[in-house]
Amino acid sequence: MTGLGSWSTFDCPTGEKGGVPLSALAWLEKETEKIGASVRVLWNPHDSGAYPSFEIDCDWEELEEPEKGAKINQLNDLEERYIETFKKGL
């Protein structure tokens, strides 16, 4: 995949002190692969210490309509399913 652009950053579920919630990362890796996207962990600086989040990347900006609209719909659906799956920890 070339020309990756960041789509969105998702909050990590809480529960695993000081680390990345591996169940959420594994879920996102599987689901992003299905739609031709990828996920990476970002560490965000904060006064009380860095905390992780997930950045979703894909080539959506380079697509033409109607493929671009379809990709955006897939990404929005991914975000909704992520929130529903991990809502207790967000």
C-alpha atoms as a PDB file:
ATOM      1  CA  MET A   1       0.000   0.000   0.000  1.00  0.00           C
ATOM      2  CA  THR A   2       1.434   3.388  -0.917  1.00  0.00           C
ATOM      3  CA  GLY A   3       0.607   6.877   0.237  1.00  0.00           C
ATOM      4  CA  LEU A   4      -0.931   5.902   3.535  1.00  0.00           C
ATOM      5  CA  GLY A   5      -2.981   8.579   5.206  1.00  0.00           C
ATOM      6  CA  SER A   6      -4.203   8.560   8.760  1.00  0.00           C
ATOM      7  CA  TRP A   7      -7.939   8.000   8.968  1.00  0.00           C
ATOM      8  CA  SER A   8      -8.553   8.207  12.680  1.00  0.00           C
ATOM      9  CA  THR A   9      -7.054   7.622  16.094  1.00  0.00           C
ATOM     10  CA  PHE A  10      -8.936   5.348  18.476  1.00  0.00           C
ATOM     11  CA  ASP A  11      -8.604   5.459  22.252  1.00  0.00           C
ATOM     12  CA  CYS A  12      -7.180   2.305  23.798  1.00  0.00           C
ATOM     13  CA  PRO A  13      -9.396   0.439  26.229  1.00  0.00           C
ATOM     14  CA  THR A  14      -8.246   0.683  29.825  1.00  0.00           C
ATOM     15  CA  GLY A  15      -7.445  -2.283  31.967  1.00  0.00           C
ATOM     16  CA  GLU A  16      -3.883  -3.261  31.116  1.00  0.00           C
ATOM     17  CA  LYS A  17      -1.740  -0.972  33.267  1.00  0.00           C
ATOM     18  CA  GLY A  18       1.018   0.800  31.398  1.00  0.00           C
ATOM     19  CA  GLY A  19       0.658  -1.234  28.264  1.00  0.00           C
ATOM     20  CA  VAL A  20      -1.225  -1.702  25.069  1.00  0.00           C
ATOM     21  CA  PRO A  21      -4.417  -3.769  25.345  1.00  0.00           C
ATOM     22  CA  LEU A  22      -3.355  -6.718  23.211  1.00  0.00           C
ATOM     23  CA  SER A  23      -6.884  -8.026  22.672  1.00  0.00           C
ATOM     24  CA  ALA A  24      -7.938  -4.698  21.141  1.00  0.00           C
ATOM     25  CA  LEU A  25      -4.783  -4.506  19.030  1.00  0.00           C
ATOM     26  CA  ALA A  26      -5.286  -8.061  17.723  1.00  0.00           C
ATOM     27  CA  TRP A  27      -8.935  -7.286  16.918  1.00  0.00           C
ATOM     28  CA  LEU A  28      -7.982  -4.125  15.035  1.00  0.00           C
ATOM     29  CA  GLU A  29      -5.163  -5.841  13.127  1.00  0.00           C
ATOM     30  CA  LYS A  30      -7.586  -8.520  11.924  1.00  0.00           C
ATOM     31  CA  GLU A  31     -10.375  -6.076  11.047  1.00  0.00           C
ATOM     32  CA  THR A  32      -8.190  -3.459   9.324  1.00  0.00           C
ATOM     33  CA  GLU A  33      -6.558  -6.134   7.173  1.00  0.00           C
ATOM     34  CA  LYS A  34     -10.010  -7.124   5.888  1.00  0.00           C
ATOM     35  CA  ILE A  35     -10.567  -3.622   4.476  1.00  0.00           C
ATOM     36  CA  GLY A  36      -7.052  -2.896   3.224  1.00  0.00           C
ATOM     37  CA  ALA A  37      -6.003  -0.673   6.114  1.00  0.00           C
ATOM     38  CA  SER A  38      -3.511  -1.020   8.950  1.00  0.00           C
ATOM     39  CA  VAL A  39      -3.211  -0.113  12.606  1.00  0.00           C
ATOM     40  CA  ARG A  40      -0.273   1.105  14.642  1.00  0.00           C
ATOM     41  CA  VAL A  41       0.221   2.045  18.260  1.00  0.00           C
ATOM     42  CA  LEU A  42       0.983   5.652  19.139  1.00  0.00           C
ATOM     43  CA  TRP A  43       2.278   6.785  22.517  1.00  0.00           C
ATOM     44  CA  ASN A  44       0.822  10.155  23.432  1.00  0.00           C
ATOM     45  CA  PRO A  45       2.816  12.320  25.843  1.00  0.00           C
ATOM     46  CA  HIS A  46       0.990  13.562  28.926  1.00  0.00           C
ATOM     47  CA  ASP A  47       1.923  15.186  32.229  1.00  0.00           C
ATOM     48  CA  SER A  48       1.001  12.029  34.110  1.00  0.00           C
ATOM     49  CA  GLY A  49       2.827   9.758  31.660  1.00  0.00           C
ATOM     50  CA  ALA A  50       2.464   8.579  28.089  1.00  0.00           C
ATOM     51  CA  TYR A  51      -0.639   6.637  27.118  1.00  0.00           C
ATOM     52  CA  PRO A  52      -1.317   4.487  24.038  1.00  0.00           C
ATOM     53  CA  SER A  53      -3.840   4.950  21.255  1.00  0.00           C
ATOM     54  CA  PHE A  54      -4.387   3.204  17.922  1.00  0.00           C
ATOM     55  CA  GLU A  55      -3.936   5.020  14.619  1.00  0.00           C
ATOM     56  CA  ILE A  56      -5.781   3.625  11.611  1.00  0.00           C
ATOM     57  CA  ASP A  57      -4.019   4.173   8.287  1.00  0.00           C
ATOM     58  CA  CYS A  58      -5.132   3.534   4.716  1.00  0.00           C
ATOM     59  CA  ASP A  59      -4.969   4.967   1.195  1.00  0.00           C
ATOM     60  CA  TRP A  60      -8.476   6.478   1.230  1.00  0.00           C
ATOM     61  CA  GLU A  61      -7.336   9.943   0.086  1.00  0.00           C
ATOM     62  CA  GLU A  62      -5.916   8.576  -3.170  1.00  0.00           C
ATOM     63  CA  LEU A  63      -9.117   6.827  -4.224  1.00  0.00           C
ATOM     64  CA  GLU A  64     -11.643   8.157  -6.714  1.00  0.00           C
ATOM     65  CA  GLU A  65     -15.414   8.013  -6.285  1.00  0.00           C
ATOM     66  CA  PRO A  66     -17.249   5.661  -5.805  1.00  0.00           C
ATOM     67  CA  GLU A  67     -14.357   3.661  -4.282  1.00  0.00           C
ATOM     68  CA  LYS A  68     -13.489   6.555  -1.956  1.00  0.00           C
ATOM     69  CA  GLY A  69     -17.014   6.700  -0.546  1.00  0.00           C
ATOM     70  CA  ALA A  70     -17.072   2.935  -0.088  1.00  0.00           C
ATOM     71  CA  LYS A  71     -13.730   3.007   1.770  1.00  0.00           C
ATOM     72  CA  ILE A  72     -14.931   5.824   4.030  1.00  0.00           C
ATOM     73  CA  ASN A  73     -18.053   3.799   4.822  1.00  0.00           C
ATOM     74  CA  GLN A  74     -15.887   0.777   5.701  1.00  0.00           C
ATOM     75  CA  LEU A  75     -13.705   2.900   7.982  1.00  0.00           C
ATOM     76  CA  ASN A  76     -16.694   4.467   9.713  1.00  0.00           C
ATOM     77  CA  ASP A  77     -18.204   1.011  10.207  1.00  0.00           C
ATOM     78  CA  LEU A  78     -14.893  -0.215  11.663  1.00  0.00           C
ATOM     79  CA  GLU A  79     -14.917   2.632  14.185  1.00  0.00           C
ATOM     80  CA  GLU A  80     -18.519   1.899  15.202  1.00  0.00           C
ATOM     81  CA  ARG A  81     -17.784  -1.816  15.654  1.00  0.00           C
ATOM     82  CA  TYR A  82     -14.621  -1.014  17.646  1.00  0.00           C
ATOM     83  CA  ILE A  83     -16.554   1.255  20.002  1.00  0.00           C
ATOM     84  CA  GLU A  84     -19.296  -1.340  20.424  1.00  0.00           C
ATOM     85  CA  THR A  85     -16.795  -4.149  21.051  1.00  0.00           C
ATOM     86  CA  PHE A  86     -14.617  -2.261  23.549  1.00  0.00           C
ATOM     87  CA  LYS A  87     -17.038   0.343  24.932  1.00  0.00           C
ATOM     88  CA  LYS A  88     -16.696  -0.817  28.534  1.00  0.00           C
ATOM     89  CA  GLY A  89     -13.011   0.094  28.566  1.00  0.00           C
ATOM     90  CA  LEU A  90     -13.138   3.327  26.578  1.00  0.00           C
END
